[in-house]
Amino acid sequence: MTKTRLAIVRQKYRPDGGAERFIARALEALDDDTLELNIITRSWQGDPNPEWQLHICNPQKWGRISRESGFARAARACWEREKFDIVQSHERIAGCDIFRAGDGVHRVWLEQRARILSPLQRLLSVFSRYHRYVTRAEAAMFRSPALKKIICNSTMIKQDIMRCFQVPEEKFAVIYNAIDHNKFVPATAQQRQAMRYKLAIADEAKVFIYVGSGFERKGLRAAIQALSHNSAHLIVVGQDKQQKRYQTLARQLGCETRVHFVGVQQQVIPFYHAADGLVLPTLYDPFPNVILEAMACGLPVITSTTCGGAEFIRQGFEGYVTDALDVTAIAQAMQQIPRLSEDRRMADAARQRILPYTPQALARQLHDLYQQVLHPAG
């Protein structure tokens, strides 16, 4: 039997990245005798499956624009030379068969980010050569006649792309990310107490967790401001070059002792186990994996209307959805989420919501999508 040669394009593979976890879960689930799996990348951290073919494309780079444009040219040259059956890109490169819009629409991100910038910063953003390059590359890719299918991990992103680029609906496949709900499980009372003891948080306290690097985009400022209106604690998992700014904010608002910065963690599950809910008022996020992880661990979620994960949240059932900058609404949602030791109804609803989204279900959807690309109807 002739194998289908599938190439997946990702500039830099980081094991802790959301797109990379999608790729890893998909590749592991899809790893069967019908596919030859190829990865086109600039660099790969960690040990890939020895049966996957790695194609390293690492041209010189002098800045952000040359980094993006150089890799795009090298990756495209690689797939044209190799003549793969399907090219699935996770980068904005015109000419691919399938694009996974894991980062959303750059233009929409800039619109949302403008809400928190000063007038001068907004002006600089408008004239940024890098942002102009990315928006041009994005438009060229979405309008390329070679593009057959677009994978979106939320309906929100599908609608953003249709609005911005007038792409016909039949080109889309909404495929939600997978979660291993046998690995991410609710905490036992002992696990919850053990982690809280390590963090010096009282058993009777209400605790929220925030998970994400890039604090500006993920809404940590609004989370800390909301926290200052109640007596809860906030565990911050992730890193940012401006962390001191957020520590200063917590100190100014009088909640410094209730905000626990723990950095990037290889094992996040014990930190989920210490919490009663996830708070992620992100400015713009297609569908962060942390929402699935938290819900699998039985945590209600507070997130924003500009987060694809809001599609899994019914107000007052699995959590709450607010505007990313509405500190009052976020604070009210924090008040309404109960401590897990008192009421588990929202926790149970959150976990039930994510149970269908297994790696096996993801693999089936991808397999069907690849068949549609290889054998288009008519």
Protein backbone atom coordinates (compact mmCIF):
# COMPACT_ATOMS: atom_id res chain seq x y z
CA MET A 1 0.00 0.00 0.00
CA THR A 2 1.33 3.45 -0.95
CA LYS A 3 1.61 5.69 2.07
CA THR A 4 0.21 9.22 2.17
CA ARG A 5 3.12 11.61 2.69
CA LEU A 6 1.92 14.24 5.16
CA ALA A 7 4.12 17.24 5.98
CA ILE A 8 3.43 19.37 9.05
CA VAL A 9 5.08 22.80 9.15
CA ARG A 10 5.94 24.44 12.48
CA GLN A 11 8.80 26.92 12.69
CA LYS A 12 9.91 26.20 16.23
CA TYR A 13 8.75 23.17 18.16
CA ARG A 14 8.45 23.72 21.93
CA PRO A 15 7.02 20.79 23.90
CA ASP A 16 5.05 23.15 26.18
CA GLY A 17 3.42 25.14 23.35
CA GLY A 18 -0.28 24.81 22.58
CA ALA A 19 0.18 24.23 18.83
CA GLU A 20 2.91 21.71 19.54
CA ARG A 21 0.70 19.74 21.90
CA PHE A 22 -1.96 19.67 19.19
CA ILE A 23 0.64 18.36 16.72
CA ALA A 24 2.03 15.79 19.15
CA ARG A 25 -1.40 14.43 20.08
CA ALA A 26 -2.52 14.37 16.47
CA LEU A 27 0.65 12.67 15.23
CA GLU A 28 0.63 10.06 17.96
CA ALA A 29 -3.04 9.30 17.35
CA LEU A 30 -2.59 9.30 13.57
CA ASP A 31 0.58 7.24 13.61
CA ASP A 32 -0.54 4.26 11.55
CA ASP A 33 0.57 2.35 8.45
CA THR A 34 -1.21 4.63 6.00
CA LEU A 35 0.77 7.81 6.76
CA GLU A 36 4.38 8.84 6.36
CA LEU A 37 4.78 11.72 8.80
CA ASN A 38 7.16 14.58 7.96
CA ILE A 39 7.94 17.63 10.07
CA ILE A 40 9.32 20.81 8.47
CA THR A 41 10.81 22.94 11.24
CA ARG A 42 13.60 25.35 12.09
CA SER A 43 14.35 23.59 15.36
CA TRP A 44 12.83 20.75 17.39
CA GLN A 45 13.21 20.51 21.15
CA GLY A 46 12.88 17.06 22.65
CA ASP A 47 12.97 13.65 21.01
CA PRO A 48 10.62 13.11 18.07
CA ASN A 49 9.30 9.69 17.18
CA PRO A 50 12.11 7.95 15.22
CA GLU A 51 9.61 7.03 12.51
CA TRP A 52 8.87 10.69 11.75
CA GLN A 53 10.97 12.33 9.05
CA LEU A 54 12.51 15.64 10.18
CA HIS A 55 13.30 18.35 7.62
CA ILE A 56 15.33 21.12 9.27
CA CYS A 57 14.96 24.51 7.56
CA ASN A 58 17.09 26.97 9.50
CA PRO A 59 18.12 29.92 7.29
CA GLN A 60 19.96 32.89 8.78
CA LYS A 61 17.84 35.53 10.47
CA TRP A 62 18.57 39.12 11.46
CA GLY A 63 15.25 40.13 13.02
CA ARG A 64 11.61 39.18 13.29
CA ILE A 65 10.73 39.82 9.64
CA SER A 66 13.72 37.92 8.21
CA ARG A 67 13.01 35.10 10.69
CA GLU A 68 9.46 34.71 9.36
CA SER A 69 10.12 35.35 5.67
CA GLY A 70 13.29 33.24 5.60
CA PHE A 71 11.61 30.23 7.16
CA ALA A 72 8.58 30.64 4.86
CA ARG A 73 10.80 30.54 1.75
CA ALA A 74 12.84 27.59 3.03
CA ALA A 75 9.78 25.59 4.11
CA ARG A 76 8.01 26.19 0.80
CA ALA A 77 11.14 25.18 -1.14
CA CYS A 78 11.32 22.00 0.96
CA TRP A 79 7.74 20.92 0.33
CA GLU A 80 7.94 21.78 -3.38
CA ARG A 81 11.13 19.71 -3.69
CA GLU A 82 9.73 16.77 -1.72
CA LYS A 83 6.30 16.82 -3.43
CA PHE A 84 4.34 15.76 -0.34
CA ASP A 85 0.75 14.60 -0.76
CA ILE A 86 -0.55 17.02 1.90
CA VAL A 87 1.16 20.05 3.45
CA GLN A 88 -0.41 21.19 6.72
CA SER A 89 1.10 24.45 7.94
CA HIS A 90 0.87 25.91 11.42
CA GLU A 91 2.62 29.04 10.10
CA ARG A 92 1.25 31.74 7.76
CA ILE A 93 2.83 30.49 4.52
CA ALA A 94 0.99 30.75 1.20
CA GLY A 95 0.87 27.57 -0.86
CA CYS A 96 0.00 25.02 1.84
CA ASP A 97 -2.94 22.63 1.39
CA ILE A 98 -4.20 22.94 4.97
CA PHE A 99 -3.63 25.78 7.42
CA ARG A 100 -4.28 25.39 11.13
CA ALA A 101 -5.24 28.81 12.48
CA GLY A 102 -3.95 28.10 15.99
CA ASP A 103 -2.91 31.73 16.54
CA GLY A 104 -6.13 33.22 15.24
CA VAL A 105 -6.18 36.27 12.96
CA HIS A 106 -3.31 38.72 13.46
CA ARG A 107 -5.43 41.69 12.45
CA VAL A 108 -8.04 40.84 15.10
CA TRP A 109 -5.33 40.40 17.74
CA LEU A 110 -4.01 43.89 16.89
CA GLU A 111 -7.55 45.31 17.20
CA GLN A 112 -7.96 43.76 20.66
CA ARG A 113 -4.47 44.72 21.82
CA ALA A 114 -5.12 48.34 20.80
CA ARG A 115 -7.66 48.48 23.66
CA ILE A 116 -4.87 48.45 26.25
CA LEU A 117 -2.22 50.52 24.43
CA SER A 118 -1.46 54.22 24.85
CA PRO A 119 -2.09 56.50 21.81
CA LEU A 120 1.66 56.49 21.05
CA GLN A 121 1.87 52.69 21.31
CA ARG A 122 -1.13 52.36 18.99
CA LEU A 123 0.57 54.63 16.44
CA LEU A 124 3.79 52.63 16.61
CA SER A 125 1.82 49.42 16.15
CA VAL A 126 0.10 50.78 13.02
CA PHE A 127 3.46 51.63 11.44
CA SER A 128 5.25 48.46 12.62
CA ARG A 129 6.95 46.79 9.65
CA TYR A 130 6.63 43.41 11.40
CA HIS A 131 2.86 43.66 11.92
CA ARG A 132 2.43 44.79 8.31
CA TYR A 133 4.50 41.82 7.11
CA VAL A 134 2.42 39.33 9.15
CA THR A 135 -0.93 40.76 8.03
CA ARG A 136 0.21 40.68 4.36
CA ALA A 137 1.49 37.09 4.68
CA GLU A 138 -1.77 36.09 6.37
CA ALA A 139 -3.92 37.64 3.62
CA ALA A 140 -1.79 36.01 0.88
CA MET A 141 -2.16 32.61 2.51
CA PHE A 142 -5.94 32.80 3.07
CA ARG A 143 -6.45 34.00 -0.52
CA SER A 144 -4.11 31.43 -2.09
CA PRO A 145 -5.86 29.11 -4.58
CA ALA A 146 -3.70 26.25 -3.20
CA LEU A 147 -5.42 26.43 0.21
CA LYS A 148 -7.99 23.65 0.42
CA LYS A 149 -8.93 23.51 4.10
CA ILE A 150 -8.55 25.63 7.25
CA ILE A 151 -8.52 23.96 10.67
CA CYS A 152 -9.93 26.19 13.42
CA ASN A 153 -9.98 25.16 17.06
CA SER A 154 -13.02 27.34 17.75
CA THR A 155 -16.01 28.74 15.87
CA MET A 156 -14.87 32.23 16.93
CA ILE A 157 -11.73 31.95 14.79
CA LYS A 158 -13.70 30.59 11.83
CA GLN A 159 -15.98 33.64 12.01
CA ASP A 160 -13.00 36.02 12.33
CA ILE A 161 -11.39 34.57 9.18
CA MET A 162 -14.66 34.67 7.22
CA ARG A 163 -15.22 38.29 8.26
CA CYS A 164 -11.68 39.46 7.47
CA PHE A 165 -10.92 37.48 4.32
CA GLN A 166 -14.29 36.39 2.85
CA VAL A 167 -13.21 32.73 2.79
CA PRO A 168 -16.12 30.42 1.83
CA GLU A 169 -17.55 28.34 4.66
CA GLU A 170 -16.88 25.00 2.95
CA LYS A 171 -13.13 25.50 3.40
CA PHE A 172 -13.38 25.27 7.19
CA ALA A 173 -13.12 22.41 9.63
CA VAL A 174 -13.71 23.28 13.29
CA ILE A 175 -11.71 20.67 15.22
CA TYR A 176 -11.42 21.29 18.94
CA ASN A 177 -8.19 20.37 20.71
CA ALA A 178 -7.91 17.03 22.48
CA ILE A 179 -7.48 16.47 26.21
CA ASP A 180 -6.34 13.34 28.02
CA HIS A 181 -9.02 13.23 30.72
CA ASN A 182 -7.39 10.16 32.27
CA LYS A 183 -4.27 12.23 33.00
CA PHE A 184 -6.00 15.50 33.95
CA VAL A 185 -8.34 14.45 36.75
CA PRO A 186 -9.98 16.20 39.72
CA ALA A 187 -7.94 16.40 42.91
CA THR A 188 -8.43 14.24 45.95
CA ALA A 189 -8.72 16.09 49.25
CA GLN A 190 -5.17 14.96 50.09
CA GLN A 191 -3.73 16.27 46.80
CA ARG A 192 -5.48 19.59 47.26
CA GLN A 193 -4.19 19.98 50.82
CA ALA A 194 -0.64 18.92 49.94
CA MET A 195 -0.22 21.56 47.22
CA ARG A 196 -1.83 24.28 49.30
CA TYR A 197 0.52 23.43 52.17
CA LYS A 198 3.51 23.88 49.81
CA LEU A 199 2.19 27.27 48.73
CA ALA A 200 1.28 28.32 52.29
CA ILE A 201 -2.41 28.73 51.36
CA ALA A 202 -5.05 27.86 53.95
CA ASP A 203 -7.40 24.92 53.28
CA GLU A 204 -10.45 27.15 53.72
CA ALA A 205 -9.29 29.84 51.24
CA LYS A 206 -10.83 30.21 47.78
CA VAL A 207 -8.09 29.78 45.17
CA PHE A 208 -7.94 30.57 41.48
CA ILE A 209 -5.25 29.56 39.03
CA TYR A 210 -4.02 31.48 35.99
CA VAL A 211 -1.90 29.55 33.47
CA GLY A 212 -0.11 31.20 30.57
CA SER A 213 3.06 32.94 29.49
CA GLY A 214 2.69 36.36 27.91
CA PHE A 215 0.84 38.08 30.73
CA GLU A 216 -0.37 41.07 28.66
CA ARG A 217 -2.22 38.95 26.10
CA LYS A 218 -3.58 36.44 28.62
CA GLY A 219 -5.13 39.11 30.87
CA LEU A 220 -3.17 38.82 34.11
CA ARG A 221 -3.59 42.53 34.89
CA ALA A 222 -7.39 42.24 34.89
CA ALA A 223 -7.19 39.02 36.95
CA ILE A 224 -5.09 40.72 39.65
CA GLN A 225 -7.33 43.81 39.65
CA ALA A 226 -10.40 41.58 40.09
CA LEU A 227 -8.68 39.62 42.85
CA SER A 228 -8.14 42.84 44.83
CA HIS A 229 -11.94 43.07 45.24
CA ASN A 230 -12.19 39.80 47.20
CA SER A 231 -10.22 37.61 49.59
CA ALA A 232 -9.26 34.79 47.19
CA HIS A 233 -5.75 33.68 46.26
CA LEU A 234 -4.32 33.51 42.73
CA ILE A 235 -1.64 31.03 41.60
CA VAL A 236 0.18 32.37 38.52
CA VAL A 237 1.80 29.64 36.41
CA GLY A 238 3.89 31.01 33.53
CA GLN A 239 6.55 33.56 32.77
CA ASP A 240 6.88 37.06 31.37
CA LYS A 241 9.76 39.52 31.08
CA GLN A 242 7.54 42.12 32.77
CA GLN A 243 6.68 39.98 35.81
CA LYS A 244 7.93 42.63 38.26
CA ARG A 245 5.34 45.02 36.85
CA TYR A 246 2.55 42.61 37.85
CA GLN A 247 4.08 42.03 41.28
CA THR A 248 4.15 45.80 41.77
CA LEU A 249 0.49 46.03 40.69
CA ALA A 250 -0.49 43.38 43.26
CA ARG A 251 1.42 45.28 45.95
CA GLN A 252 -0.25 48.60 45.01
CA LEU A 253 -3.69 46.95 45.15
CA GLY A 254 -3.00 45.35 48.54
CA CYS A 255 -3.22 41.73 47.41
CA GLU A 256 0.48 40.94 47.06
CA THR A 257 0.42 38.17 49.69
CA ARG A 258 -2.46 36.46 47.86
CA VAL A 259 -0.78 36.32 44.41
CA HIS A 260 1.65 33.40 44.09
CA PHE A 261 4.03 33.56 41.10
CA VAL A 262 5.38 30.02 40.59
CA GLY A 263 6.95 30.36 37.11
CA VAL A 264 6.76 27.84 34.28
CA GLN A 265 5.99 24.33 35.52
CA GLN A 266 6.64 21.06 33.72
CA GLN A 267 3.92 19.48 35.86
CA VAL A 268 0.94 21.84 36.11
CA ILE A 269 -1.58 19.29 37.40
CA PRO A 270 -0.63 19.66 41.12
CA PHE A 271 -1.25 23.41 40.79
CA TYR A 272 -4.67 22.84 39.21
CA HIS A 273 -5.34 20.54 42.16
CA ALA A 274 -4.78 23.40 44.60
CA ALA A 275 -7.41 25.60 42.91
CA ASP A 276 -11.18 26.07 42.92
CA GLY A 277 -11.32 27.65 39.44
CA LEU A 278 -9.33 28.94 36.47
CA VAL A 279 -9.32 32.65 35.60
CA LEU A 280 -8.08 33.59 32.11
CA PRO A 281 -9.52 36.93 30.91
CA THR A 282 -7.43 36.79 27.74
CA LEU A 283 -7.53 39.65 25.22
CA TYR A 284 -7.55 37.25 22.26
CA ASP A 285 -7.00 33.51 22.22
CA PRO A 286 -8.35 30.95 19.72
CA PHE A 287 -8.81 28.21 22.37
CA PRO A 288 -6.05 27.77 24.94
CA ASN A 289 -5.36 24.18 26.02
CA VAL A 290 -5.26 25.30 29.64
CA ILE A 291 -9.06 25.69 29.59
CA LEU A 292 -9.46 22.03 28.61
CA GLU A 293 -6.87 20.97 31.21
CA ALA A 294 -8.55 22.93 33.99
CA MET A 295 -12.03 21.66 33.10
CA ALA A 296 -10.73 18.07 33.00
CA CYS A 297 -9.40 18.68 36.52
CA GLY A 298 -12.89 19.75 37.56
CA LEU A 299 -12.31 23.49 37.64
CA PRO A 300 -14.98 26.00 36.57
CA VAL A 301 -13.54 28.64 34.20
CA ILE A 302 -13.74 32.42 34.03
CA THR A 303 -12.70 33.58 30.57
CA SER A 304 -13.41 36.30 28.02
CA THR A 305 -15.73 36.81 25.06
CA THR A 306 -12.59 37.00 22.85
CA CYS A 307 -11.48 33.50 23.83
CA GLY A 308 -12.61 30.51 21.78
CA GLY A 309 -12.83 28.54 25.02
CA ALA A 310 -15.92 30.58 25.89
CA GLU A 311 -17.78 28.21 23.53
CA PHE A 312 -17.54 25.53 26.23
CA ILE A 313 -18.84 27.77 29.03
CA ARG A 314 -22.50 28.36 29.90
CA GLN A 315 -22.96 31.21 32.36
CA GLY A 316 -23.25 29.80 35.86
CA PHE A 317 -22.84 26.15 34.79
CA GLU A 318 -19.22 25.51 33.68
CA GLY A 319 -18.09 29.00 34.66
CA TYR A 320 -18.53 32.60 33.48
CA VAL A 321 -17.69 34.63 30.37
CA THR A 322 -16.97 38.39 30.61
CA ASP A 323 -15.33 41.09 28.57
CA ALA A 324 -11.54 40.77 28.94
CA LEU A 325 -11.26 44.23 30.53
CA ASP A 326 -14.43 44.21 32.67
CA VAL A 327 -12.78 43.94 36.07
CA THR A 328 -16.09 44.31 37.93
CA ALA A 329 -17.66 41.38 36.05
CA ILE A 330 -14.55 39.22 36.57
CA ALA A 331 -14.60 40.02 40.30
CA GLN A 332 -18.32 39.11 40.49
CA ALA A 333 -17.63 35.82 38.70
CA MET A 334 -14.88 35.06 41.23
CA GLN A 335 -17.38 35.66 44.02
CA GLN A 336 -19.96 33.34 42.42
CA ILE A 337 -17.67 30.37 41.83
CA PRO A 338 -17.90 28.24 44.99
CA ARG A 339 -15.10 26.54 46.87
CA LEU A 340 -14.91 22.94 45.65
CA SER A 341 -15.06 21.62 49.19
CA GLU A 342 -18.55 23.20 49.53
CA ASP A 343 -20.19 22.68 46.11
CA ARG A 344 -19.01 20.46 43.23
CA ARG A 345 -21.83 21.05 40.73
CA MET A 346 -19.88 23.48 38.52
CA ALA A 347 -16.78 21.32 38.82
CA ASP A 348 -18.67 18.23 37.65
CA ALA A 349 -20.31 20.16 34.77
CA ALA A 350 -16.91 21.45 33.63
CA ARG A 351 -15.41 17.96 33.52
CA GLN A 352 -18.43 16.45 31.75
CA ARG A 353 -18.20 19.12 29.04
CA ILE A 354 -14.71 18.08 27.88
CA LEU A 355 -15.07 14.27 28.01
CA PRO A 356 -15.83 13.81 24.27
CA TYR A 357 -12.64 15.62 23.17
CA THR A 358 -10.20 12.71 23.22
CA PRO A 359 -7.04 12.25 21.11
CA GLN A 360 -8.87 9.42 19.33
CA ALA A 361 -11.76 11.70 18.36
CA LEU A 362 -9.24 14.31 17.13
CA ALA A 363 -7.43 11.67 15.06
CA ARG A 364 -10.69 10.55 13.43
CA GLN A 365 -11.57 14.12 12.47
CA LEU A 366 -8.10 14.73 11.02
CA HIS A 367 -8.17 11.44 9.13
CA ASP A 368 -11.53 12.40 7.58
CA LEU A 369 -10.19 15.85 6.70
CA TYR A 370 -7.12 14.39 4.98
CA GLN A 371 -9.36 12.07 2.96
CA GLN A 372 -11.40 15.08 1.81
CA VAL A 373 -8.20 16.85 0.70
CA LEU A 374 -6.84 13.78 -1.08
CA HIS A 375 -10.17 12.82 -2.68
CA PRO A 376 -12.29 15.95 -3.12
CA ALA A 377 -15.94 15.32 -3.99
CA GLY A 378 -16.81 15.92 -7.60
